[in-house]
Amino acid sequence: MEENASEVIHLVARLKAKPEQRSALFDALKAIVPDVRREDGCLLYDLNVDRDDPNVAVMLESWRDGSALEAHGQAAAFKSLAARFDVLLAEPLHLQRLQQLL
């Protein structure tokens, strides 16, 4: 099936760890990547670290459509991580939703 680029949602998720929780955050993110990549509608789910701030994890994501992204937010892997955000994160999760132009 050919993907309709106008429906694909590209997402940049920025997660800034509390300095003492950096390892715990990155370990938790690494642990969910394989499960998330198997979710229906996941086209891309890559974990990166900000070169200028090693406490910042950046997830580059692409989802088939809004329904797939919504399902990801309700999936066990993400929900188990999100339940720990108060302990792990120095600031709220920042999500940037993108639509590819070219």
N, C-alpha and C. Protein backbone atom coordinates (compact mmCIF):
# COMPACT_ATOMS: atom_id res chain seq x y z
N MET A 1 0.84 -1.18 0.00
CA MET A 1 0.00 0.00 0.00
C MET A 1 0.88 1.24 0.00
N GLU A 2 0.60 2.16 -0.86
CA GLU A 2 1.39 3.39 -0.92
C GLU A 2 0.91 4.36 0.14
N GLU A 3 1.86 4.95 0.88
CA GLU A 3 1.52 5.90 1.94
C GLU A 3 1.17 7.25 1.33
N ASN A 4 0.12 7.85 1.84
CA ASN A 4 -0.27 9.20 1.42
C ASN A 4 0.49 10.18 2.29
N ALA A 5 1.43 10.91 1.69
CA ALA A 5 2.31 11.81 2.45
C ALA A 5 1.52 12.85 3.22
N SER A 6 0.35 13.23 2.74
CA SER A 6 -0.42 14.26 3.44
C SER A 6 -0.99 13.75 4.75
N GLU A 7 -1.14 12.42 4.89
CA GLU A 7 -1.67 11.85 6.12
C GLU A 7 -0.57 11.44 7.09
N VAL A 8 0.63 11.21 6.60
CA VAL A 8 1.73 10.78 7.46
C VAL A 8 2.07 11.90 8.43
N ILE A 9 2.22 11.53 9.68
CA ILE A 9 2.58 12.50 10.72
C ILE A 9 4.02 12.25 11.12
N HIS A 10 4.83 13.28 10.97
CA HIS A 10 6.20 13.24 11.44
C HIS A 10 6.22 13.97 12.77
N LEU A 11 6.96 13.43 13.70
CA LEU A 11 6.94 13.96 15.05
C LEU A 11 8.36 14.00 15.60
N VAL A 12 8.67 15.09 16.28
CA VAL A 12 9.92 15.21 17.02
C VAL A 12 9.52 15.32 18.49
N ALA A 13 9.95 14.35 19.27
CA ALA A 13 9.67 14.35 20.71
C ALA A 13 10.97 14.63 21.45
N ARG A 14 10.94 15.66 22.28
CA ARG A 14 12.13 16.07 23.04
C ARG A 14 11.90 15.77 24.51
N LEU A 15 12.79 14.98 25.09
CA LEU A 15 12.67 14.58 26.48
C LEU A 15 13.96 14.96 27.20
N LYS A 16 13.87 15.92 28.12
CA LYS A 16 15.05 16.36 28.86
C LYS A 16 15.07 15.68 30.23
N ALA A 17 16.09 14.87 30.43
CA ALA A 17 16.22 14.13 31.68
C ALA A 17 16.74 15.02 32.80
N LYS A 18 16.29 14.73 34.01
CA LYS A 18 16.97 15.27 35.18
C LYS A 18 18.38 14.68 35.11
N PRO A 19 19.41 15.47 35.40
CA PRO A 19 20.78 14.94 35.25
C PRO A 19 21.01 13.60 35.95
N GLU A 20 20.46 13.45 37.13
CA GLU A 20 20.67 12.20 37.87
C GLU A 20 19.82 11.05 37.31
N GLN A 21 18.89 11.36 36.38
CA GLN A 21 18.01 10.34 35.79
C GLN A 21 18.34 10.05 34.33
N ARG A 22 19.44 10.64 33.84
CA ARG A 22 19.78 10.47 32.42
C ARG A 22 19.86 9.00 32.02
N SER A 23 20.64 8.22 32.74
CA SER A 23 20.79 6.80 32.40
C SER A 23 19.46 6.07 32.46
N ALA A 24 18.68 6.36 33.47
CA ALA A 24 17.38 5.70 33.61
C ALA A 24 16.46 6.05 32.44
N LEU A 25 16.44 7.32 32.03
CA LEU A 25 15.60 7.72 30.90
C LEU A 25 16.05 7.03 29.62
N PHE A 26 17.34 7.09 29.32
CA PHE A 26 17.82 6.49 28.08
C PHE A 26 17.63 4.98 28.08
N ASP A 27 17.82 4.33 29.22
CA ASP A 27 17.58 2.88 29.30
C ASP A 27 16.11 2.57 29.03
N ALA A 28 15.22 3.38 29.61
CA ALA A 28 13.78 3.16 29.41
C ALA A 28 13.39 3.38 27.95
N LEU A 29 13.96 4.40 27.33
CA LEU A 29 13.66 4.65 25.92
C LEU A 29 14.19 3.52 25.04
N LYS A 30 15.42 3.10 25.30
CA LYS A 30 15.99 1.99 24.52
C LYS A 30 15.13 0.74 24.65
N ALA A 31 14.58 0.52 25.82
CA ALA A 31 13.79 -0.69 26.07
C ALA A 31 12.49 -0.72 25.27
N ILE A 32 11.87 0.45 25.04
CA ILE A 32 10.59 0.45 24.34
C ILE A 32 10.71 0.51 22.82
N VAL A 33 11.87 0.91 22.30
CA VAL A 33 12.02 1.09 20.85
C VAL A 33 11.59 -0.15 20.06
N PRO A 34 12.05 -1.35 20.38
CA PRO A 34 11.64 -2.51 19.57
C PRO A 34 10.12 -2.72 19.55
N ASP A 35 9.47 -2.56 20.70
CA ASP A 35 8.01 -2.74 20.76
C ASP A 35 7.29 -1.67 19.94
N VAL A 36 7.73 -0.42 20.08
CA VAL A 36 7.08 0.67 19.35
C VAL A 36 7.24 0.48 17.85
N ARG A 37 8.40 0.06 17.42
CA ARG A 37 8.63 -0.15 15.99
C ARG A 37 7.71 -1.21 15.40
N ARG A 38 7.21 -2.12 16.24
CA ARG A 38 6.29 -3.16 15.78
C ARG A 38 4.83 -2.71 15.81
N GLU A 39 4.55 -1.52 16.35
CA GLU A 39 3.17 -1.04 16.41
C GLU A 39 2.64 -0.78 15.01
N ASP A 40 1.38 -1.10 14.81
CA ASP A 40 0.74 -0.85 13.52
C ASP A 40 0.79 0.64 13.21
N GLY A 41 1.29 0.98 12.05
CA GLY A 41 1.33 2.37 11.62
C GLY A 41 2.62 3.09 11.93
N CYS A 42 3.54 2.44 12.64
CA CYS A 42 4.84 3.07 12.93
C CYS A 42 5.73 2.94 11.70
N LEU A 43 6.13 4.07 11.15
CA LEU A 43 6.99 4.08 9.98
C LEU A 43 8.45 4.36 10.37
N LEU A 44 8.64 5.10 11.45
CA LEU A 44 9.98 5.45 11.93
C LEU A 44 9.90 5.74 13.42
N TYR A 45 10.85 5.23 14.19
CA TYR A 45 10.93 5.51 15.62
C TYR A 45 12.39 5.39 16.01
N ASP A 46 13.11 6.50 15.95
CA ASP A 46 14.55 6.50 16.19
C ASP A 46 14.91 7.34 17.40
N LEU A 47 15.76 6.79 18.24
CA LEU A 47 16.24 7.47 19.45
C LEU A 47 17.56 8.16 19.15
N ASN A 48 17.63 9.43 19.50
CA ASN A 48 18.83 10.24 19.30
C ASN A 48 19.15 10.98 20.59
N VAL A 49 20.39 11.47 20.68
CA VAL A 49 20.77 12.34 21.79
C VAL A 49 21.19 13.68 21.20
N ASP A 50 20.80 14.75 21.88
CA ASP A 50 21.17 16.10 21.46
C ASP A 50 22.68 16.26 21.63
N ARG A 51 23.39 16.62 20.58
CA ARG A 51 24.84 16.76 20.65
C ARG A 51 25.26 17.91 21.56
N ASP A 52 24.38 18.89 21.76
CA ASP A 52 24.72 20.04 22.60
C ASP A 52 24.27 19.87 24.05
N ASP A 53 23.40 18.92 24.31
CA ASP A 53 22.93 18.68 25.67
C ASP A 53 22.71 17.18 25.84
N PRO A 54 23.65 16.46 26.43
CA PRO A 54 23.55 15.01 26.54
C PRO A 54 22.42 14.52 27.44
N ASN A 55 21.73 15.44 28.12
CA ASN A 55 20.58 15.05 28.93
C ASN A 55 19.28 15.05 28.12
N VAL A 56 19.37 15.42 26.85
CA VAL A 56 18.17 15.51 26.01
C VAL A 56 18.12 14.36 25.02
N ALA A 57 17.05 13.59 25.11
CA ALA A 57 16.75 12.55 24.13
C ALA A 57 15.79 13.13 23.11
N VAL A 58 16.02 12.80 21.86
CA VAL A 58 15.14 13.27 20.79
C VAL A 58 14.67 12.04 20.00
N MET A 59 13.37 11.84 19.99
CA MET A 59 12.79 10.76 19.21
C MET A 59 12.31 11.34 17.89
N LEU A 60 12.78 10.76 16.79
CA LEU A 60 12.28 11.10 15.47
C LEU A 60 11.29 10.02 15.10
N GLU A 61 10.05 10.44 14.85
CA GLU A 61 8.97 9.49 14.62
C GLU A 61 8.21 9.82 13.35
N SER A 62 7.71 8.79 12.70
CA SER A 62 6.77 8.95 11.60
C SER A 62 5.67 7.91 11.79
N TRP A 63 4.44 8.38 11.65
CA TRP A 63 3.27 7.53 11.84
C TRP A 63 2.39 7.61 10.60
N ARG A 64 1.82 6.51 10.24
CA ARG A 64 0.99 6.41 9.04
C ARG A 64 -0.10 7.48 9.01
N ASP A 65 -0.71 7.75 10.16
CA ASP A 65 -1.79 8.73 10.24
C ASP A 65 -2.08 9.04 11.70
N GLY A 66 -3.03 9.91 11.93
CA GLY A 66 -3.37 10.30 13.29
C GLY A 66 -3.87 9.16 14.14
N SER A 67 -4.57 8.22 13.54
CA SER A 67 -5.07 7.07 14.30
C SER A 67 -3.92 6.21 14.83
N ALA A 68 -2.89 6.03 14.01
CA ALA A 68 -1.73 5.24 14.44
C ALA A 68 -1.00 5.95 15.58
N LEU A 69 -0.86 7.27 15.47
CA LEU A 69 -0.20 8.03 16.53
C LEU A 69 -1.02 7.98 17.82
N GLU A 70 -2.32 8.10 17.69
CA GLU A 70 -3.20 8.03 18.87
C GLU A 70 -3.09 6.66 19.54
N ALA A 71 -3.05 5.60 18.74
CA ALA A 71 -2.92 4.25 19.29
C ALA A 71 -1.57 4.10 20.01
N HIS A 72 -0.53 4.70 19.47
CA HIS A 72 0.78 4.65 20.12
C HIS A 72 0.71 5.27 21.52
N GLY A 73 0.00 6.38 21.64
CA GLY A 73 -0.14 7.04 22.93
C GLY A 73 -0.87 6.20 23.96
N GLN A 74 -1.65 5.23 23.50
CA GLN A 74 -2.40 4.34 24.39
C GLN A 74 -1.74 2.97 24.56
N ALA A 75 -0.67 2.73 23.81
CA ALA A 75 0.01 1.43 23.86
C ALA A 75 0.76 1.25 25.18
N ALA A 76 0.90 0.01 25.58
CA ALA A 76 1.53 -0.32 26.86
C ALA A 76 2.95 0.22 26.97
N ALA A 77 3.72 0.12 25.90
CA ALA A 77 5.12 0.55 25.95
C ALA A 77 5.23 2.03 26.30
N PHE A 78 4.47 2.87 25.59
CA PHE A 78 4.53 4.30 25.86
C PHE A 78 3.91 4.64 27.21
N LYS A 79 2.78 4.04 27.53
CA LYS A 79 2.11 4.36 28.80
C LYS A 79 2.99 4.03 30.00
N SER A 80 3.73 2.93 29.92
CA SER A 80 4.60 2.57 31.05
C SER A 80 5.73 3.59 31.21
N LEU A 81 6.25 4.10 30.10
CA LEU A 81 7.28 5.14 30.16
C LEU A 81 6.69 6.45 30.66
N ALA A 82 5.56 6.84 30.11
CA ALA A 82 4.94 8.12 30.49
C ALA A 82 4.60 8.17 31.97
N ALA A 83 4.29 7.04 32.55
CA ALA A 83 3.98 6.99 33.98
C ALA A 83 5.17 7.39 34.84
N ARG A 84 6.37 7.35 34.26
CA ARG A 84 7.60 7.68 35.00
C ARG A 84 8.14 9.07 34.68
N PHE A 85 7.46 9.82 33.81
CA PHE A 85 7.96 11.13 33.40
C PHE A 85 8.21 12.06 34.58
N ASP A 86 7.36 12.04 35.60
CA ASP A 86 7.56 12.94 36.74
C ASP A 86 8.90 12.71 37.42
N VAL A 87 9.34 11.47 37.44
CA VAL A 87 10.61 11.12 38.08
C VAL A 87 11.79 11.38 37.15
N LEU A 88 11.60 11.08 35.86
CA LEU A 88 12.71 11.10 34.90
C LEU A 88 13.00 12.46 34.26
N LEU A 89 11.96 13.25 34.01
CA LEU A 89 12.12 14.45 33.19
C LEU A 89 12.31 15.72 34.00
N ALA A 90 13.20 16.58 33.50
CA ALA A 90 13.46 17.88 34.12
C ALA A 90 12.43 18.92 33.68
N GLU A 91 11.76 18.65 32.56
CA GLU A 91 10.74 19.57 32.03
C GLU A 91 9.73 18.73 31.25
N PRO A 92 8.56 19.28 30.99
CA PRO A 92 7.55 18.48 30.28
C PRO A 92 8.02 18.02 28.90
N LEU A 93 7.51 16.87 28.49
CA LEU A 93 7.75 16.35 27.16
C LEU A 93 7.33 17.41 26.14
N HIS A 94 8.19 17.66 25.15
CA HIS A 94 7.87 18.61 24.09
C HIS A 94 7.67 17.85 22.80
N LEU A 95 6.49 18.01 22.19
CA LEU A 95 6.17 17.35 20.94
C LEU A 95 6.01 18.37 19.84
N GLN A 96 6.65 18.10 18.73
CA GLN A 96 6.53 18.95 17.55
C GLN A 96 5.99 18.09 16.42
N ARG A 97 4.76 18.37 15.99
CA ARG A 97 4.13 17.62 14.91
C ARG A 97 4.43 18.30 13.59
N LEU A 98 4.88 17.53 12.62
CA LEU A 98 5.29 18.06 11.33
C LEU A 98 4.51 17.42 10.19
N GLN A 99 4.38 18.16 9.12
CA GLN A 99 3.86 17.62 7.87
C GLN A 99 4.89 17.89 6.79
N GLN A 100 5.29 16.84 6.11
CA GLN A 100 6.32 16.99 5.08
C GLN A 100 5.76 17.76 3.88
N LEU A 101 6.52 18.74 3.43
CA LEU A 101 6.11 19.53 2.27
C LEU A 101 6.67 18.98 0.97
N LEU A 102 7.89 18.52 0.98
CA LEU A 102 8.53 17.97 -0.22
C LEU A 102 9.05 16.59 0.02
